Protein backbone atom coordinates (compact mmCIF):
# COMPACT_ATOMS: atom_id res chain seq x y z
CA MET A 1 -108.75 156.92 255.55
CA ASN A 2 -109.78 155.58 258.96
CA PRO A 3 -112.06 152.56 259.52
CA ALA A 4 -115.04 154.77 260.56
CA LEU A 5 -114.97 156.69 257.32
CA HIS A 6 -114.64 153.58 255.26
CA ARG A 7 -117.66 152.01 257.12
CA ALA A 8 -119.67 155.31 256.64
CA ARG A 9 -118.93 155.39 252.96
CA ALA A 10 -119.65 151.75 252.40
CA LEU A 11 -123.12 152.05 254.00
CA ARG A 12 -123.88 155.28 252.08
CA ILE A 13 -123.08 153.46 248.84
CA GLU A 14 -125.16 150.45 249.92
CA ALA A 15 -128.15 152.88 250.59
CA SER A 16 -127.71 154.12 247.03
CA LEU A 17 -127.47 150.51 245.66
CA ALA A 18 -130.71 149.59 247.35
CA LYS A 19 -132.65 152.16 245.29
CA LEU A 20 -131.42 150.54 241.96
CA THR A 21 -133.34 148.06 239.87
CA ALA A 22 -132.28 145.03 237.99
CA ALA A 23 -132.11 147.18 234.82
CA ASP A 24 -129.20 149.13 236.51
CA TRP A 25 -127.02 146.13 236.44
CA GLU A 26 -123.79 148.18 235.39
CA ILE A 27 -124.04 150.64 238.27
CA ARG A 28 -124.95 147.80 240.70
CA ILE A 29 -121.70 146.04 239.82
CA GLU A 30 -119.80 149.31 240.21
CA ALA A 31 -121.46 150.17 243.52
CA ALA A 32 -120.82 146.59 244.83
CA MET A 33 -117.12 146.98 243.91
CA LEU A 34 -116.87 150.43 245.56
CA ALA A 35 -118.62 149.55 248.71
CA GLY A 36 -116.84 146.25 248.99
CA THR A 37 -113.44 148.03 248.68
CA HIS A 38 -114.44 150.32 251.54
CA TRP A 39 -115.46 147.25 253.57
CA ALA A 40 -112.14 145.61 252.78
CA ASN A 41 -110.22 148.66 253.87
CA TYR A 42 -112.32 148.81 257.05
CA ALA A 43 -111.36 145.25 257.94
CA LEU A 44 -107.76 145.56 257.01
CA HIS A 45 -107.33 148.75 259.09
CA ARG A 46 -109.19 147.11 262.12
CA HIS A 47 -106.87 144.10 261.81
CA GLY A 48 -103.93 146.43 261.94
CA VAL A 49 -102.28 145.11 258.78
CA SER A 50 -102.74 148.23 256.84
CA PRO A 51 -102.37 151.75 258.22
CA ASP A 52 -105.00 154.43 257.71
CA ALA A 53 -102.86 156.03 255.05
CA GLU A 54 -102.68 152.76 253.01
CA ASP A 55 -106.00 152.00 251.28
CA ILE A 56 -106.46 149.41 248.58
CA VAL A 57 -108.26 150.58 245.34
CA HIS A 58 -108.28 147.30 243.51
CA THR A 59 -106.90 143.96 244.49
CA SER A 60 -105.36 143.57 241.11
CA MET A 61 -103.22 146.70 241.76
CA LEU A 62 -101.59 145.37 244.97
CA VAL A 63 -98.09 144.24 245.00
CA VAL A 64 -97.94 140.40 245.51
CA ASN A 65 -96.34 140.55 248.92
CA THR A 66 -98.87 143.02 250.07
CA LEU A 67 -101.81 140.87 248.79
CA ARG A 68 -100.33 137.82 250.56
CA LYS A 69 -99.97 139.86 253.83
CA TYR A 70 -103.73 140.97 253.68
CA ALA A 71 -104.80 137.54 252.66
CA ILE A 72 -103.36 136.07 255.91
CA VAL A 73 -106.27 137.88 257.78
CA GLU A 74 -108.98 138.32 255.13
CA ALA A 75 -108.34 135.69 252.29
CA ASP A 76 -112.22 135.17 251.74
CA LEU A 77 -113.01 138.84 251.69
CA LEU A 78 -110.30 139.63 249.24
CA ARG A 79 -111.23 136.62 247.04
CA ASP A 80 -114.82 137.92 246.99
CA LEU A 81 -113.81 141.46 246.22
CA GLY A 82 -111.59 140.15 243.42
CA GLU A 83 -114.48 138.31 241.86
CA ILE A 84 -116.55 141.52 241.75
CA GLU A 85 -113.58 143.28 240.15
CA GLU A 86 -113.47 140.49 237.45
CA LEU A 87 -117.21 141.20 236.57
CA ARG A 88 -116.40 144.89 235.61
CA PRO A 89 -114.47 144.33 232.41
CA LEU A 90 -116.97 141.83 231.13
CA TYR A 91 -120.26 143.44 231.99
CA VAL A 92 -119.56 147.11 232.79
CA ARG A 93 -117.01 147.93 230.16
CA GLY A 94 -117.87 145.05 227.97
CA ASP A 95 -120.94 143.64 226.25
CA VAL A 96 -121.16 140.11 227.54
CA PRO A 97 -124.73 138.98 227.90
CA GLY A 98 -125.97 138.25 231.55
CA GLY A 99 -125.43 141.55 233.25
CA VAL A 100 -128.52 141.38 235.48
CA LYS A 101 -127.17 137.84 236.77
CA ALA A 102 -123.75 139.25 237.15
CA ALA A 103 -125.00 142.26 239.29
CA ASP A 104 -126.95 139.89 241.53
CA ARG A 105 -123.71 137.94 241.97
CA ALA A 106 -121.87 141.17 242.71
CA VAL A 107 -124.38 142.27 245.36
CA ASP A 108 -124.34 138.84 246.95
CA LEU A 109 -120.51 138.91 247.20
CA LEU A 110 -120.88 142.47 248.71
CA LEU A 111 -123.18 141.10 251.40
CA ALA A 112 -120.64 138.41 252.15
CA ILE A 113 -117.71 140.94 252.23
CA ARG A 114 -119.75 143.26 254.60
CA ALA A 115 -120.67 140.33 256.92
CA ARG A 116 -117.04 139.37 257.30
CA ALA A 117 -115.83 143.05 257.63
CA GLU A 118 -118.50 143.68 260.41
CA ARG A 119 -116.99 140.58 262.39
CA THR A 120 -113.54 142.19 262.45
CA PRO A 121 -112.35 142.76 266.01
């Protein structure tokens, strides 16, 4: 997928995310992860470190050398995306208390990811 499509999808997901309430914490975490992944792909494609045909789905699924290559140009972005991904098993698939706070954190991380991605040359 090319950067423009990733950006458009991230913005569409963020528009849906904005309609949710605190009670929708599970889907807020999911939406933050999905939009964040689109922003990450947007940035990596714009940096030229990943071709349009090579999109990340989850940072945890990347081969170590590929993750290291991407981290050279977007370490903070990938760290934040990884943090959102770590929330999913605990709060979306699990039953750990504090889902609303976790969703707020996921959305804050998404905002940071978007800000960094949009600064990509």
